[in-house]
Amino acid sequence: MSDSGRGRYYWCTRHHRVESGADMCPARHVLGPYDSAADAENALQQVRERNEAWEAEDARWTGEDR
């Protein structure tokens, strides 16, 4: 048995909480893995920031600067 998932934390988009170990929802409902519970808790903020950066880059690429 592998312990590669040990110490990994996930943000559950279904229950809006940090999950790890045996107490986890299926992969389709989680973001991660993250190295700490705090990182997992901030997952949605990180997603928002990345999406904004990518949208701005797309706008620059197509000449639609915001």
N, C-alpha and C. Protein backbone atom coordinates (compact mmCIF):
# COMPACT_ATOMS: atom_id res chain seq x y z
N MET A 1 0.83 -1.18 0.00
CA MET A 1 0.00 0.00 0.00
C MET A 1 0.88 1.24 0.00
N SER A 2 0.55 2.23 -0.79
CA SER A 2 1.34 3.46 -0.89
C SER A 2 0.84 4.50 0.10
N ASP A 3 1.77 5.28 0.63
CA ASP A 3 1.36 6.36 1.52
C ASP A 3 1.58 7.72 0.86
N SER A 4 1.55 7.75 -0.48
CA SER A 4 1.81 8.99 -1.21
C SER A 4 0.77 10.07 -0.92
N GLY A 5 -0.43 9.69 -0.48
CA GLY A 5 -1.46 10.67 -0.17
C GLY A 5 -1.43 11.13 1.27
N ARG A 6 -0.56 10.54 2.06
CA ARG A 6 -0.49 10.88 3.48
C ARG A 6 -0.03 12.33 3.65
N GLY A 7 -0.70 13.06 4.55
CA GLY A 7 -0.34 14.44 4.79
C GLY A 7 -0.85 15.39 3.72
N ARG A 8 -1.74 14.92 2.86
CA ARG A 8 -2.30 15.75 1.80
C ARG A 8 -3.69 16.20 2.21
N TYR A 9 -4.00 17.44 1.84
CA TYR A 9 -5.28 18.04 2.18
C TYR A 9 -5.97 18.48 0.90
N TYR A 10 -7.30 18.44 0.92
CA TYR A 10 -8.11 18.77 -0.24
C TYR A 10 -9.24 19.70 0.18
N TRP A 11 -9.68 20.55 -0.75
CA TRP A 11 -10.85 21.38 -0.50
C TRP A 11 -12.03 20.72 -1.19
N CYS A 12 -13.07 20.40 -0.42
CA CYS A 12 -14.26 19.76 -0.96
C CYS A 12 -15.23 20.85 -1.44
N THR A 13 -15.51 20.84 -2.73
CA THR A 13 -16.42 21.84 -3.31
C THR A 13 -17.88 21.50 -3.01
N ARG A 14 -18.11 20.32 -2.56
CA ARG A 14 -19.48 19.89 -2.22
C ARG A 14 -19.85 20.29 -0.79
N HIS A 15 -18.93 20.08 0.14
CA HIS A 15 -19.20 20.36 1.56
C HIS A 15 -18.55 21.65 2.06
N HIS A 16 -17.74 22.28 1.21
CA HIS A 16 -17.07 23.54 1.56
C HIS A 16 -16.24 23.39 2.84
N ARG A 17 -15.36 22.38 2.81
CA ARG A 17 -14.48 22.14 3.96
C ARG A 17 -13.21 21.45 3.51
N VAL A 18 -12.21 21.47 4.38
CA VAL A 18 -10.96 20.75 4.14
C VAL A 18 -11.18 19.29 4.48
N GLU A 19 -10.68 18.41 3.60
CA GLU A 19 -10.79 16.97 3.84
C GLU A 19 -9.43 16.32 3.63
N SER A 20 -9.22 15.19 4.30
CA SER A 20 -7.98 14.43 4.12
C SER A 20 -8.21 13.00 4.58
N GLY A 21 -7.30 12.14 4.20
CA GLY A 21 -7.35 10.75 4.64
C GLY A 21 -8.59 10.02 4.17
N ALA A 22 -9.13 9.19 5.03
CA ALA A 22 -10.28 8.36 4.69
C ALA A 22 -11.57 9.18 4.63
N ASP A 23 -11.56 10.37 5.20
CA ASP A 23 -12.76 11.22 5.24
C ASP A 23 -12.78 12.17 4.04
N MET A 24 -12.80 11.59 2.83
CA MET A 24 -12.75 12.41 1.63
C MET A 24 -13.87 12.06 0.67
N CYS A 25 -14.36 13.08 -0.01
CA CYS A 25 -15.33 12.88 -1.08
C CYS A 25 -14.60 12.37 -2.32
N PRO A 26 -15.34 11.89 -3.31
CA PRO A 26 -14.72 11.46 -4.56
C PRO A 26 -13.95 12.59 -5.23
N ALA A 27 -12.98 12.23 -6.05
CA ALA A 27 -12.09 13.20 -6.68
C ALA A 27 -12.83 14.29 -7.45
N ARG A 28 -14.00 14.00 -8.00
CA ARG A 28 -14.73 15.01 -8.78
C ARG A 28 -15.23 16.16 -7.92
N HIS A 29 -15.19 16.00 -6.59
CA HIS A 29 -15.67 17.04 -5.69
C HIS A 29 -14.57 17.77 -4.94
N VAL A 30 -13.31 17.44 -5.20
CA VAL A 30 -12.24 18.06 -4.41
C VAL A 30 -11.20 18.76 -5.28
N LEU A 31 -10.58 19.78 -4.71
CA LEU A 31 -9.44 20.47 -5.30
C LEU A 31 -8.22 20.11 -4.48
N GLY A 32 -7.11 19.89 -5.15
CA GLY A 32 -5.89 19.57 -4.43
C GLY A 32 -5.14 18.46 -5.12
N PRO A 33 -4.13 17.97 -4.49
CA PRO A 33 -3.82 18.05 -3.08
C PRO A 33 -3.02 19.30 -2.71
N TYR A 34 -3.11 19.67 -1.45
CA TYR A 34 -2.35 20.77 -0.87
C TYR A 34 -1.52 20.22 0.28
N ASP A 35 -0.41 20.89 0.56
CA ASP A 35 0.49 20.42 1.61
C ASP A 35 0.00 20.72 3.01
N SER A 36 -0.89 21.69 3.16
CA SER A 36 -1.40 22.03 4.49
C SER A 36 -2.90 22.28 4.43
N ALA A 37 -3.53 22.18 5.58
CA ALA A 37 -4.96 22.46 5.67
C ALA A 37 -5.25 23.92 5.31
N ALA A 38 -4.34 24.82 5.71
CA ALA A 38 -4.52 26.25 5.41
C ALA A 38 -4.49 26.50 3.90
N ASP A 39 -3.57 25.83 3.20
CA ASP A 39 -3.52 25.97 1.74
C ASP A 39 -4.80 25.45 1.11
N ALA A 40 -5.31 24.33 1.58
CA ALA A 40 -6.55 23.77 1.05
C ALA A 40 -7.72 24.71 1.32
N GLU A 41 -7.73 25.33 2.49
CA GLU A 41 -8.80 26.25 2.86
C GLU A 41 -8.83 27.47 1.95
N ASN A 42 -7.68 27.85 1.41
CA ASN A 42 -7.58 29.01 0.52
C ASN A 42 -7.66 28.63 -0.96
N ALA A 43 -8.06 27.41 -1.25
CA ALA A 43 -8.09 26.91 -2.63
C ALA A 43 -8.96 27.76 -3.55
N LEU A 44 -10.14 28.14 -3.11
CA LEU A 44 -11.04 28.89 -3.98
C LEU A 44 -10.50 30.29 -4.28
N GLN A 45 -9.83 30.90 -3.32
CA GLN A 45 -9.22 32.20 -3.57
C GLN A 45 -8.11 32.07 -4.61
N GLN A 46 -7.33 31.02 -4.51
CA GLN A 46 -6.27 30.78 -5.48
C GLN A 46 -6.85 30.54 -6.87
N VAL A 47 -7.95 29.81 -6.95
CA VAL A 47 -8.63 29.58 -8.23
C VAL A 47 -9.10 30.90 -8.82
N ARG A 48 -9.72 31.76 -8.00
CA ARG A 48 -10.19 33.07 -8.47
C ARG A 48 -9.03 33.91 -9.02
N GLU A 49 -7.93 33.95 -8.27
CA GLU A 49 -6.77 34.74 -8.70
C GLU A 49 -6.19 34.22 -10.01
N ARG A 50 -6.08 32.91 -10.14
CA ARG A 50 -5.56 32.34 -11.38
C ARG A 50 -6.50 32.61 -12.56
N ASN A 51 -7.79 32.46 -12.33
CA ASN A 51 -8.75 32.73 -13.41
C ASN A 51 -8.69 34.18 -13.87
N GLU A 52 -8.58 35.12 -12.93
CA GLU A 52 -8.47 36.53 -13.30
C GLU A 52 -7.20 36.78 -14.11
N ALA A 53 -6.10 36.19 -13.69
CA ALA A 53 -4.84 36.37 -14.42
C ALA A 53 -4.93 35.78 -15.82
N TRP A 54 -5.53 34.60 -15.94
CA TRP A 54 -5.66 33.96 -17.25
C TRP A 54 -6.60 34.76 -18.15
N GLU A 55 -7.70 35.29 -17.59
CA GLU A 55 -8.63 36.09 -18.39
C GLU A 55 -7.95 37.37 -18.88
N ALA A 56 -7.14 37.99 -18.02
CA ALA A 56 -6.42 39.19 -18.42
C ALA A 56 -5.41 38.86 -19.52
N GLU A 57 -4.73 37.73 -19.39
CA GLU A 57 -3.77 37.31 -20.41
C GLU A 57 -4.49 37.01 -21.73
N ASP A 58 -5.63 36.35 -21.66
CA ASP A 58 -6.42 36.09 -22.88
C ASP A 58 -6.83 37.40 -23.55
N ALA A 59 -7.24 38.38 -22.75
CA ALA A 59 -7.65 39.67 -23.30
C ALA A 59 -6.47 40.36 -23.98
N ARG A 60 -5.29 40.32 -23.36
CA ARG A 60 -4.10 40.90 -23.97
C ARG A 60 -3.76 40.18 -25.27
N TRP A 61 -3.89 38.87 -25.26
CA TRP A 61 -3.55 38.06 -26.43
C TRP A 61 -4.45 38.40 -27.61
N THR A 62 -5.72 38.63 -27.35
CA THR A 62 -6.67 38.91 -28.42
C THR A 62 -6.80 40.40 -28.70
N GLY A 63 -6.06 41.22 -27.96
CA GLY A 63 -6.10 42.66 -28.17
C GLY A 63 -7.28 43.36 -27.51
N GLU A 64 -7.89 42.72 -26.54
CA GLU A 64 -9.03 43.29 -25.83
C GLU A 64 -8.61 43.69 -24.42
N ASP A 65 -7.56 44.48 -24.29
CA ASP A 65 -7.08 44.86 -22.95
C ASP A 65 -8.22 45.39 -22.10
N ARG A 66 -8.19 44.98 -20.85
CA ARG A 66 -9.23 45.40 -19.90
C ARG A 66 -8.78 46.63 -19.15
